[in-house]
Amino acid sequence: MKKTSHYILGSALIVLFLIPFGIVFNGIKEGFKKNTVESAGVCTIISAQWNPSGNQGDTFYAIGTTIANIIIKTKDCVGQTILLSIAESDYAGDDYWNDSGIYERAIIVPTDNFTSKIKLGEEDCEVGGSIDCELYFELSHDTQKYNSYDQSGGVLFYECSGVCEDDGAYLETIPNGTDTVPLNINQQTPLNEPNDMYKLLAPIAGLTEAPSNIGDYFSKIFLLAIGLCGALAVIMIIISGVQYMGNDSIFGKTEAKSKILASVLGLLIALGSYALLNTINPDLLGGGGVNIAQVTADVTEPPLSQESKNIQYGTTVGTCTEGLEPVAVNGTVIMNVCGKTMADNVRLMIYAAKTVSPYITLTGNAYRSYADQVQARIDNGCVDIYKKSKCNTPTAVPGTSLHESGKAIDFMCNGAGQFINVTTGPTANLRPATQVCWDWMVANASKYGLYNYPKENWHWSTTGN
């Protein structure tokens, strides 16, 4: 009977020990189920309206300068395409803005809440009616349709400036964030950590970034090891306690007692080693005693020549027959690329990157002239400027670079000089702080028609070369 009660008590201790693991496992399982359900959302257009909206009177519109916004709210649509059409409604019938390029205009949704910026025009407006221009819009995604005409803020009225002949234009898509995390794109938000610190993929005993002092590692590793020793000691004490209670043999009880004492002794040794090192020299456990100096080296780009600055938009350059188009963010041109489609995609990608956490600011160099490519070969130490040869930094032969056609971009991460580089070249050339940008680009750049050249982390193009 006594032996049976010992086994019952031991079994109860084991059950009590396993209960916390059951609670943790159940929490993980429920969290996985919740995430699976939440990730299965369907893209929905919730609301949209003009800003400004309603009747703006006789003096509102001026040819080529008047701007209006369409503020759009969606759910689970980020990265998907919505079609926008603007129409003019009057007594003669409704007409879409085909000539202005805003009929079933494809928009890649950057954030759940975003703004479409429109340069207003007079396409299909009718002089002589009660109001010349009466604009509404339609949004569509798959089978979902949204017509603003009967919605609050869904119609914009104004009078022509003259004879109603000027066309409008779609200017840009501006992300506004979400209801819970609004985004101000005018604010350049830096990373939470300094640019020269590597952010750990998984925290180690409370460390979230790589310290410059290796002693900090020793301190955290010792504390982690002591914690593991404590957990193992508790497990061994429980097992040995069950063995002690369930064994009537004096030898069995003696063995169980020895295991319990050995567990306690092991824990004391672990604690004693930490105390001993701290007594000999606290710097061995952190505090600035063992420092490793960091070496940094930037991937350099030559300054743009006057030829590259004086861009003639719309004229053929290299293999780009569409001509160069500017990529403007917050009204500032940050680079020039090949064609309107690529310019729109790059701008949307830059906005989309700023919505992640931590926020990512992408900039970079795209088009460079033949003369600039020659200078780049010189600056990067190429043995032969005009033939394939060894360079300190890989640089295409002049006349062969996609940069000369505006089809390639060297991206910088969160500030000038921080070219994306986490795996290319010697360790001294790596920029660990750009890891967040690299990871995001690898996961998302292809959605915007850009692909990485495997030998250069910073170099992305329409072909991957």
Protein backbone atom coordinates (compact mmCIF):
# COMPACT_ATOMS: atom_id res chain seq x y z
CA MET A 1 0.00 0.00 0.00
CA LYS A 2 2.86 2.36 0.90
CA LYS A 3 4.60 1.66 -2.41
CA THR A 4 1.36 2.34 -4.31
CA SER A 5 0.89 5.70 -2.61
CA HIS A 6 4.46 6.66 -3.52
CA TYR A 7 3.75 5.92 -7.20
CA ILE A 8 0.50 7.91 -7.07
CA LEU A 9 2.29 10.90 -5.51
CA GLY A 10 5.11 10.66 -8.07
CA SER A 11 2.62 10.54 -10.95
CA ALA A 12 0.85 13.61 -9.59
CA LEU A 13 4.16 15.52 -9.49
CA ILE A 14 4.88 14.59 -13.11
CA VAL A 15 1.40 15.75 -14.21
CA LEU A 16 1.84 19.05 -12.36
CA PHE A 17 5.24 19.49 -14.06
CA LEU A 18 3.76 18.88 -17.54
CA ILE A 19 0.73 21.20 -17.15
CA PRO A 20 2.66 24.41 -18.01
CA PHE A 21 3.95 22.79 -21.20
CA GLY A 22 0.38 21.88 -22.14
CA ILE A 23 -0.75 25.47 -21.60
CA VAL A 24 2.11 26.83 -23.74
CA PHE A 25 1.43 24.31 -26.52
CA ASN A 26 -2.28 25.13 -26.51
CA GLY A 27 -1.50 28.86 -26.72
CA ILE A 28 0.79 28.29 -29.70
CA LYS A 29 -1.87 26.15 -31.39
CA GLU A 30 -4.61 28.74 -30.84
CA GLY A 31 -2.33 31.53 -32.05
CA PHE A 32 -1.57 29.55 -35.22
CA LYS A 33 -5.26 28.98 -35.84
CA LYS A 34 -6.00 32.67 -35.29
CA ASN A 35 -3.23 33.77 -37.66
CA THR A 36 -4.41 31.31 -40.29
CA VAL A 37 -7.95 32.69 -40.14
CA GLU A 38 -6.80 36.33 -40.18
CA SER A 39 -4.49 35.79 -43.15
CA ALA A 40 -7.32 34.43 -45.26
CA GLY A 41 -9.00 37.83 -45.70
CA VAL A 42 -10.57 38.86 -49.00
CA CYS A 43 -9.69 42.21 -50.56
CA THR A 44 -12.60 44.60 -49.91
CA ILE A 45 -13.11 48.23 -51.00
CA ILE A 46 -14.72 49.83 -47.94
CA SER A 47 -15.09 53.49 -48.93
CA ALA A 48 -13.68 56.22 -51.17
CA GLN A 49 -14.30 59.93 -51.70
CA TRP A 50 -13.03 63.05 -53.42
CA ASN A 51 -11.02 65.59 -51.46
CA PRO A 52 -12.23 68.24 -52.00
CA SER A 53 -15.72 67.13 -52.97
CA GLY A 54 -18.97 68.84 -53.86
CA ASN A 55 -19.42 72.11 -55.77
CA GLN A 56 -16.16 74.13 -55.92
CA GLY A 57 -17.57 77.05 -57.93
CA ASP A 58 -16.24 79.18 -60.80
CA THR A 59 -12.70 80.01 -59.63
CA PHE A 60 -11.56 76.58 -58.38
CA TYR A 61 -10.09 75.18 -61.61
CA ALA A 62 -6.97 76.49 -63.38
CA ILE A 63 -5.51 74.68 -66.39
CA GLY A 64 -2.67 72.32 -65.50
CA THR A 65 -2.34 73.29 -61.83
CA THR A 66 -5.43 72.13 -59.94
CA ILE A 67 -5.03 68.96 -57.89
CA ALA A 68 -7.64 66.78 -56.19
CA ASN A 69 -7.28 63.55 -54.23
CA ILE A 70 -9.31 60.37 -54.09
CA ILE A 71 -9.00 58.96 -50.57
CA ILE A 72 -9.54 55.20 -50.59
CA LYS A 73 -10.05 52.80 -47.68
CA THR A 74 -9.69 49.04 -48.23
CA LYS A 75 -9.23 45.86 -46.21
CA ASP A 76 -6.77 43.03 -46.97
CA CYS A 77 -5.84 44.54 -50.36
CA VAL A 78 -2.16 45.42 -49.84
CA GLY A 79 -0.12 44.36 -52.88
CA GLN A 80 -3.21 43.66 -54.98
CA THR A 81 -4.45 45.61 -58.01
CA ILE A 82 -7.51 47.88 -58.05
CA LEU A 83 -8.77 49.52 -61.25
CA LEU A 84 -9.71 53.23 -61.13
CA SER A 85 -11.89 54.98 -63.72
CA ILE A 86 -12.91 58.66 -63.61
CA ALA A 87 -16.07 59.67 -65.47
CA GLU A 88 -17.78 62.96 -66.31
CA SER A 89 -21.54 62.96 -65.95
CA ASP A 90 -23.86 65.40 -67.73
CA TYR A 91 -27.05 65.64 -69.74
CA ALA A 92 -25.31 64.27 -72.86
CA GLY A 93 -24.29 61.05 -71.10
CA ASP A 94 -21.41 59.79 -68.98
CA ASP A 95 -17.90 59.69 -70.49
CA TYR A 96 -14.74 58.13 -69.09
CA TRP A 97 -11.38 59.93 -68.98
CA ASN A 98 -9.73 57.78 -71.69
CA ASP A 99 -7.53 60.57 -73.09
CA SER A 100 -6.35 61.42 -69.57
CA GLY A 101 -5.32 57.79 -69.01
CA ILE A 102 -7.69 57.24 -66.09
CA TYR A 103 -9.99 54.57 -67.44
CA GLU A 104 -9.43 51.23 -65.67
CA ARG A 105 -6.10 52.57 -64.47
CA ALA A 106 -4.30 49.80 -62.54
CA ILE A 107 -3.26 50.78 -59.00
CA ILE A 108 -1.18 48.51 -56.77
CA VAL A 109 -2.51 49.04 -53.24
CA PRO A 110 0.43 50.16 -51.01
CA THR A 111 -1.46 50.24 -47.68
CA ASP A 112 -5.07 49.63 -46.65
CA ASN A 113 -5.65 53.39 -46.62
CA PHE A 114 -4.14 55.32 -49.52
CA THR A 115 -4.63 58.39 -51.72
CA SER A 116 -4.73 58.68 -55.52
CA LYS A 117 -3.43 62.11 -56.52
CA ILE A 118 -5.15 63.50 -59.65
CA LYS A 119 -4.34 66.50 -61.82
CA LEU A 120 -7.79 67.73 -62.77
CA GLY A 121 -8.77 68.49 -66.35
CA GLU A 122 -11.74 69.30 -68.54
CA GLU A 123 -12.03 66.10 -70.61
CA ASP A 124 -15.65 65.62 -71.76
CA CYS A 125 -16.88 68.54 -69.63
CA GLU A 126 -19.79 70.37 -71.28
CA VAL A 127 -19.92 74.16 -71.58
CA GLY A 128 -23.43 75.49 -71.30
CA GLY A 129 -24.86 73.15 -68.68
CA SER A 130 -25.65 74.14 -65.15
CA ILE A 131 -22.13 72.99 -64.15
CA ASP A 132 -19.38 72.28 -66.69
CA CYS A 133 -17.59 69.40 -64.92
CA GLU A 134 -19.31 66.77 -62.78
CA LEU A 135 -16.79 64.06 -61.91
CA TYR A 136 -17.30 60.75 -60.15
CA PHE A 137 -15.18 57.59 -60.16
CA GLU A 138 -15.45 53.81 -60.19
CA LEU A 139 -13.23 51.28 -58.42
CA SER A 140 -13.15 47.57 -59.19
CA HIS A 141 -11.35 44.47 -57.96
CA ASP A 142 -12.24 41.04 -59.34
CA THR A 143 -16.06 40.98 -59.16
CA GLN A 144 -16.34 43.86 -56.66
CA LYS A 145 -17.48 47.24 -58.02
CA TYR A 146 -17.56 50.59 -56.21
CA ASN A 147 -19.36 53.57 -57.80
CA SER A 148 -18.88 56.87 -55.99
CA TYR A 149 -21.77 58.76 -57.59
CA ASP A 150 -24.31 58.07 -54.83
CA GLN A 151 -21.76 57.92 -52.01
CA SER A 152 -20.82 60.65 -49.52
CA GLY A 153 -18.09 62.83 -51.04
CA GLY A 154 -18.35 60.88 -54.26
CA VAL A 155 -18.87 63.74 -56.76
CA LEU A 156 -16.71 66.79 -57.57
CA PHE A 157 -18.20 69.83 -59.41
CA TYR A 158 -16.33 72.76 -60.96
CA GLU A 159 -16.44 75.13 -63.94
CA CYS A 160 -14.09 74.97 -66.93
CA SER A 161 -11.35 77.53 -67.37
CA GLY A 162 -12.17 78.46 -70.92
CA VAL A 163 -13.44 76.03 -73.56
CA CYS A 164 -13.21 72.69 -71.69
CA GLU A 165 -10.34 71.14 -73.65
CA ASP A 166 -7.55 70.37 -71.15
CA ASP A 167 -6.92 66.70 -70.17
CA GLY A 168 -6.27 65.51 -66.64
CA ALA A 169 -3.64 63.01 -65.44
CA TYR A 170 -2.95 60.45 -62.75
CA LEU A 171 -0.01 61.74 -60.70
CA GLU A 172 0.83 59.25 -57.94
CA THR A 173 -0.36 56.80 -55.32
CA ILE A 174 0.34 57.86 -51.73
CA PRO A 175 0.10 55.35 -48.83
CA ASN A 176 -1.70 56.55 -45.70
CA GLY A 177 -1.05 53.47 -43.52
CA THR A 178 -3.90 51.76 -41.67
CA ASP A 179 -6.56 52.80 -39.18
CA THR A 180 -4.30 51.74 -36.29
CA VAL A 181 -0.92 52.71 -37.82
CA PRO A 182 -1.25 55.89 -39.90
CA LEU A 183 1.71 56.79 -42.10
CA ASN A 184 3.14 60.22 -42.73
CA ILE A 185 5.28 59.80 -45.86
CA ASN A 186 6.75 63.29 -45.40
CA GLN A 187 8.50 62.08 -42.26
CA GLN A 188 11.69 60.11 -42.92
CA THR A 189 11.49 57.61 -40.06
CA PRO A 190 14.87 56.02 -39.25
CA LEU A 191 15.44 52.53 -37.96
CA ASN A 192 15.06 52.13 -34.23
CA GLU A 193 18.65 50.87 -33.98
CA PRO A 194 21.78 52.77 -35.14
CA ASN A 195 22.74 52.15 -38.74
CA ASP A 196 26.05 50.49 -37.78
CA MET A 197 24.45 47.86 -35.54
CA TYR A 198 23.37 44.44 -36.77
CA LYS A 199 19.86 43.49 -35.67
CA LEU A 200 19.72 39.87 -34.52
CA LEU A 201 17.26 37.63 -36.33
CA ALA A 202 16.25 36.18 -32.94
CA PRO A 203 16.97 37.73 -29.51
CA ILE A 204 19.61 36.02 -27.35
CA ALA A 205 18.93 36.31 -23.62
CA GLY A 206 17.51 39.80 -24.07
CA LEU A 207 20.00 40.99 -26.72
CA THR A 208 18.25 42.24 -29.86
CA GLU A 209 21.31 43.65 -31.65
CA ALA A 210 24.97 42.65 -31.90
CA PRO A 211 27.00 44.45 -29.19
CA SER A 212 30.45 45.81 -29.96
CA ASN A 213 31.63 44.40 -26.62
CA ILE A 214 32.10 40.62 -26.70
CA GLY A 215 31.94 40.61 -22.91
CA ASP A 216 28.21 41.27 -23.22
CA TYR A 217 27.91 37.94 -25.02
CA PHE A 218 29.78 36.16 -22.21
CA SER A 219 27.50 37.70 -19.62
CA LYS A 220 24.31 36.68 -21.40
CA ILE A 221 25.61 33.19 -22.23
CA PHE A 222 26.56 32.60 -18.59
CA LEU A 223 23.16 33.74 -17.38
CA LEU A 224 21.44 31.57 -19.98
CA ALA A 225 23.57 28.57 -19.01
CA ILE A 226 22.84 29.08 -15.31
CA GLY A 227 19.12 29.21 -16.11
CA LEU A 228 19.38 25.93 -18.04
CA CYS A 229 21.33 24.37 -15.16
CA GLY A 230 18.59 25.44 -12.78
CA ALA A 231 15.88 23.93 -14.98
CA LEU A 232 17.80 20.65 -15.38
CA ALA A 233 18.47 20.53 -11.64
CA VAL A 234 14.76 20.88 -10.87
CA ILE A 235 13.93 18.12 -13.36
CA MET A 236 16.54 15.78 -11.86
CA ILE A 237 15.37 16.55 -8.32
CA ILE A 238 11.76 15.71 -9.26
CA ILE A 239 12.78 12.48 -11.01
CA SER A 240 15.07 11.46 -8.15
CA GLY A 241 12.35 12.36 -5.61
CA VAL A 242 9.89 10.08 -7.39
CA GLN A 243 12.58 7.34 -7.42
CA TYR A 244 13.20 7.88 -3.70
CA MET A 245 9.49 7.62 -2.80
CA GLY A 246 8.80 4.67 -5.08
CA ASN A 247 11.76 2.49 -4.09
CA ASP A 248 11.70 0.50 -0.81
CA SER A 249 15.29 -0.68 -1.27
CA ILE A 250 17.87 1.12 0.85
CA PHE A 251 20.24 1.06 -2.13
CA GLY A 252 17.62 2.63 -4.40
CA LYS A 253 16.92 5.37 -1.89
CA THR A 254 20.65 6.02 -1.45
CA GLU A 255 21.11 6.32 -5.24
CA ALA A 256 18.17 8.77 -5.47
CA LYS A 257 19.61 10.90 -2.64
CA SER A 258 22.97 10.98 -4.44
CA LYS A 259 21.33 12.24 -7.62
CA ILE A 260 19.51 15.00 -5.72
CA LEU A 261 22.76 16.10 -4.03
CA ALA A 262 24.62 15.97 -7.37
CA SER A 263 21.94 18.18 -8.98
CA VAL A 264 22.21 20.76 -6.23
CA LEU A 265 26.03 20.63 -6.37
CA GLY A 266 26.01 21.16 -10.17
CA LEU A 267 23.82 24.23 -9.79
CA LEU A 268 26.15 25.62 -7.09
CA ILE A 269 29.18 25.07 -9.35
CA ALA A 270 27.48 26.98 -12.19
CA LEU A 271 26.64 29.87 -9.88
CA GLY A 272 30.13 29.76 -8.37
CA SER A 273 31.85 30.01 -11.77
CA TYR A 274 29.92 33.18 -12.57
CA ALA A 275 30.73 34.65 -9.15
CA LEU A 276 34.43 33.70 -9.53
CA LEU A 277 34.80 35.41 -12.93
CA ASN A 278 32.98 38.47 -11.64
CA THR A 279 35.35 38.62 -8.66
CA ILE A 280 38.50 38.23 -10.79
CA ASN A 281 37.46 40.87 -13.33
CA PRO A 282 33.88 42.07 -13.92
CA ASP A 283 34.89 43.12 -17.45
CA LEU A 284 35.09 39.43 -18.39
CA LEU A 285 31.30 39.41 -18.08
CA GLY A 286 30.66 42.69 -19.89
CA GLY A 287 31.16 46.33 -19.13
CA GLY A 288 33.68 47.35 -21.77
CA GLY A 289 36.64 45.10 -21.01
CA VAL A 290 36.76 43.07 -24.22
CA ASN A 291 36.05 45.29 -27.20
CA ILE A 292 36.20 44.47 -30.90
CA ALA A 293 36.58 47.50 -33.14
CA GLN A 294 34.18 47.57 -36.08
CA VAL A 295 35.54 48.07 -39.59
CA THR A 296 33.24 49.63 -42.21
CA ALA A 297 33.71 50.18 -45.91
CA ASP A 298 31.12 51.64 -48.24
CA VAL A 299 30.27 50.67 -51.79
CA THR A 300 31.07 53.91 -53.56
CA GLU A 301 29.26 55.45 -56.49
CA PRO A 302 30.76 58.25 -58.61
CA PRO A 303 29.00 61.64 -58.57
CA LEU A 304 26.67 62.12 -61.52
CA SER A 305 28.03 64.10 -64.42
CA GLN A 306 26.25 67.15 -65.81
CA GLU A 307 25.11 64.95 -68.70
CA SER A 308 23.27 62.63 -66.30
CA LYS A 309 21.72 65.57 -64.44
CA ASN A 310 20.39 67.31 -67.55
CA ILE A 311 17.88 64.60 -68.45
CA GLN A 312 15.81 64.88 -71.62
CA TYR A 313 12.71 62.95 -70.65
CA GLY A 314 10.95 60.90 -73.30
CA THR A 315 13.99 60.51 -75.59
CA THR A 316 15.68 57.18 -76.28
CA VAL A 317 18.70 56.34 -74.10
CA GLY A 318 20.63 53.11 -74.57
CA THR A 319 18.10 50.31 -75.09
CA CYS A 320 15.26 52.31 -73.50
CA THR A 321 13.07 53.43 -76.41
CA GLU A 322 10.37 54.80 -74.07
CA GLY A 323 12.75 57.40 -72.70
CA LEU A 324 13.57 58.21 -69.10
CA GLU A 325 10.91 59.05 -66.51
CA PRO A 326 11.48 60.61 -63.09
CA VAL A 327 10.71 58.79 -59.84
CA ALA A 328 9.44 61.48 -57.46
CA VAL A 329 8.77 60.99 -53.75
CA ASN A 330 7.07 63.82 -51.87
CA GLY A 331 7.66 66.06 -54.88
CA THR A 332 11.44 65.41 -55.08
CA VAL A 333 12.98 63.47 -57.98
CA ILE A 334 15.25 60.81 -56.44
CA MET A 335 16.19 58.89 -59.61
CA ASN A 336 15.41 58.49 -63.30
CA VAL A 337 14.37 55.14 -64.80
CA CYS A 338 13.22 53.70 -68.12
CA GLY A 339 9.59 54.41 -68.97
CA LYS A 340 6.46 55.35 -67.08
CA THR A 341 5.58 51.79 -66.04
CA MET A 342 8.91 51.24 -64.31
CA ALA A 343 8.76 54.70 -62.70
CA ASP A 344 5.29 53.99 -61.29
CA ASN A 345 6.36 50.56 -60.00
CA VAL A 346 9.51 51.88 -58.31
CA ARG A 347 7.58 54.71 -56.65
CA LEU A 348 4.92 52.28 -55.37
CA MET A 349 7.62 49.94 -54.09
CA ILE A 350 9.32 52.76 -52.17
CA TYR A 351 6.01 53.73 -50.58
CA ALA A 352 5.16 50.10 -49.78
CA ALA A 353 8.55 49.58 -48.09
CA LYS A 354 7.86 52.49 -45.74
CA THR A 355 4.78 50.74 -44.35
CA VAL A 356 6.67 47.81 -42.77
CA SER A 357 8.02 47.79 -39.24
CA PRO A 358 10.66 49.04 -38.81
CA TYR A 359 10.04 51.57 -41.54
CA ILE A 360 12.33 51.24 -44.57
CA THR A 361 13.54 54.20 -46.61
CA LEU A 362 14.77 53.13 -50.05
CA THR A 363 16.75 55.51 -52.26
CA GLY A 364 19.37 54.85 -54.91
CA ASN A 365 21.04 55.56 -58.25
CA ALA A 366 19.46 54.44 -61.51
CA TYR A 367 20.35 56.10 -64.83
CA ARG A 368 23.94 57.06 -65.48
CA SER A 369 25.45 58.20 -68.75
CA TYR A 370 28.24 56.50 -70.71
CA ALA A 371 30.68 59.05 -69.30
CA ASP A 372 29.55 58.23 -65.76
CA GLN A 373 30.00 54.51 -66.43
CA VAL A 374 33.58 55.18 -67.59
CA GLN A 375 34.21 57.15 -64.39
CA ALA A 376 32.72 54.32 -62.30
CA ARG A 377 35.20 51.87 -63.86
CA ILE A 378 38.05 54.23 -63.00
CA ASP A 379 36.87 54.83 -59.43
CA ASN A 380 36.38 51.10 -58.80
CA GLY A 381 39.93 50.25 -59.87
CA CYS A 382 39.22 48.27 -63.04
CA VAL A 383 42.44 47.13 -64.76
CA ASP A 384 41.08 47.91 -68.24
CA ILE A 385 38.38 50.59 -68.48
CA TYR A 386 36.83 49.46 -71.78
CA LYS A 387 37.25 45.65 -71.58
CA LYS A 388 36.23 43.00 -69.09
CA SER A 389 38.85 42.99 -66.37
CA LYS A 390 39.28 42.70 -62.62
CA CYS A 391 37.74 45.54 -60.54
CA ASN A 392 37.80 46.25 -56.82
CA THR A 393 34.01 46.52 -56.99
CA PRO A 394 32.17 44.75 -59.86
CA THR A 395 31.41 47.36 -62.55
CA ALA A 396 30.05 46.76 -66.06
CA VAL A 397 32.04 47.74 -69.14
CA PRO A 398 30.83 51.10 -70.58
CA GLY A 399 28.16 50.51 -73.21
CA THR A 400 26.92 47.29 -71.59
CA SER A 401 25.47 48.49 -68.27
CA LEU A 402 21.70 48.52 -67.73
CA HIS A 403 22.26 51.74 -65.78
CA GLU A 404 22.94 53.46 -69.11
CA SER A 405 19.36 52.61 -70.16
CA GLY A 406 17.76 53.44 -66.79
CA LYS A 407 16.80 49.77 -66.30
CA ALA A 408 18.95 49.12 -63.20
CA ILE A 409 19.03 50.67 -59.73
CA ASP A 410 21.68 50.51 -57.00
CA PHE A 411 19.58 50.75 -53.85
CA MET A 412 20.57 52.42 -50.59
CA CYS A 413 18.95 51.63 -47.26
CA ASN A 414 17.88 54.23 -44.71
CA GLY A 415 20.27 56.98 -45.69
CA ALA A 416 22.85 57.98 -48.28
CA GLY A 417 25.96 55.78 -48.32
CA GLN A 418 24.19 52.74 -46.87
CA PHE A 419 24.14 50.60 -50.03
CA ILE A 420 22.36 47.29 -49.46
CA ASN A 421 25.09 44.71 -48.92
CA VAL A 422 24.85 41.73 -46.56
CA THR A 423 26.55 38.90 -48.48
CA THR A 424 28.64 40.40 -51.32
CA GLY A 425 32.43 40.64 -51.14
CA PRO A 426 34.77 40.61 -48.12
CA THR A 427 33.47 41.06 -44.59
CA ALA A 428 34.79 44.62 -44.42
CA ASN A 429 32.41 45.62 -47.23
CA LEU A 430 29.27 44.25 -45.59
CA ARG A 431 26.64 46.59 -44.14
CA PRO A 432 24.72 44.56 -41.51
CA ALA A 433 22.32 47.46 -40.85
CA THR A 434 20.95 47.02 -44.39
CA GLN A 435 19.74 43.46 -43.65
CA VAL A 436 16.18 44.68 -43.09
CA CYS A 437 16.10 46.29 -46.56
CA TRP A 438 17.68 43.22 -48.19
CA ASP A 439 15.11 40.87 -46.63
CA TRP A 440 12.23 43.09 -47.73
CA MET A 441 13.55 43.45 -51.28
CA VAL A 442 14.09 39.70 -51.67
CA ALA A 443 10.48 39.09 -50.59
CA ASN A 444 8.80 41.92 -52.51
CA ALA A 445 10.87 43.49 -55.32
CA SER A 446 9.70 40.98 -57.96
CA LYS A 447 6.12 42.21 -57.46
CA TYR A 448 7.31 45.53 -58.89
CA GLY A 449 9.32 44.07 -61.77
CA LEU A 450 12.80 44.27 -60.20
CA TYR A 451 15.23 41.35 -59.77
CA ASN A 452 18.59 41.10 -58.01
CA TYR A 453 21.93 40.51 -59.71
CA PRO A 454 23.28 37.66 -57.51
CA LYS A 455 26.83 39.07 -57.32
CA GLU A 456 25.72 42.49 -56.03
CA ASN A 457 23.14 42.81 -53.25
CA TRP A 458 22.56 46.48 -54.06
CA HIS A 459 22.00 46.03 -57.82
CA TRP A 460 18.40 45.40 -58.98
CA SER A 461 17.18 45.54 -62.57
CA THR A 462 14.34 44.59 -64.90
CA THR A 463 16.25 41.45 -65.99
CA GLY A 464 18.34 40.50 -62.97
CA ASN A 465 21.59 41.34 -64.80
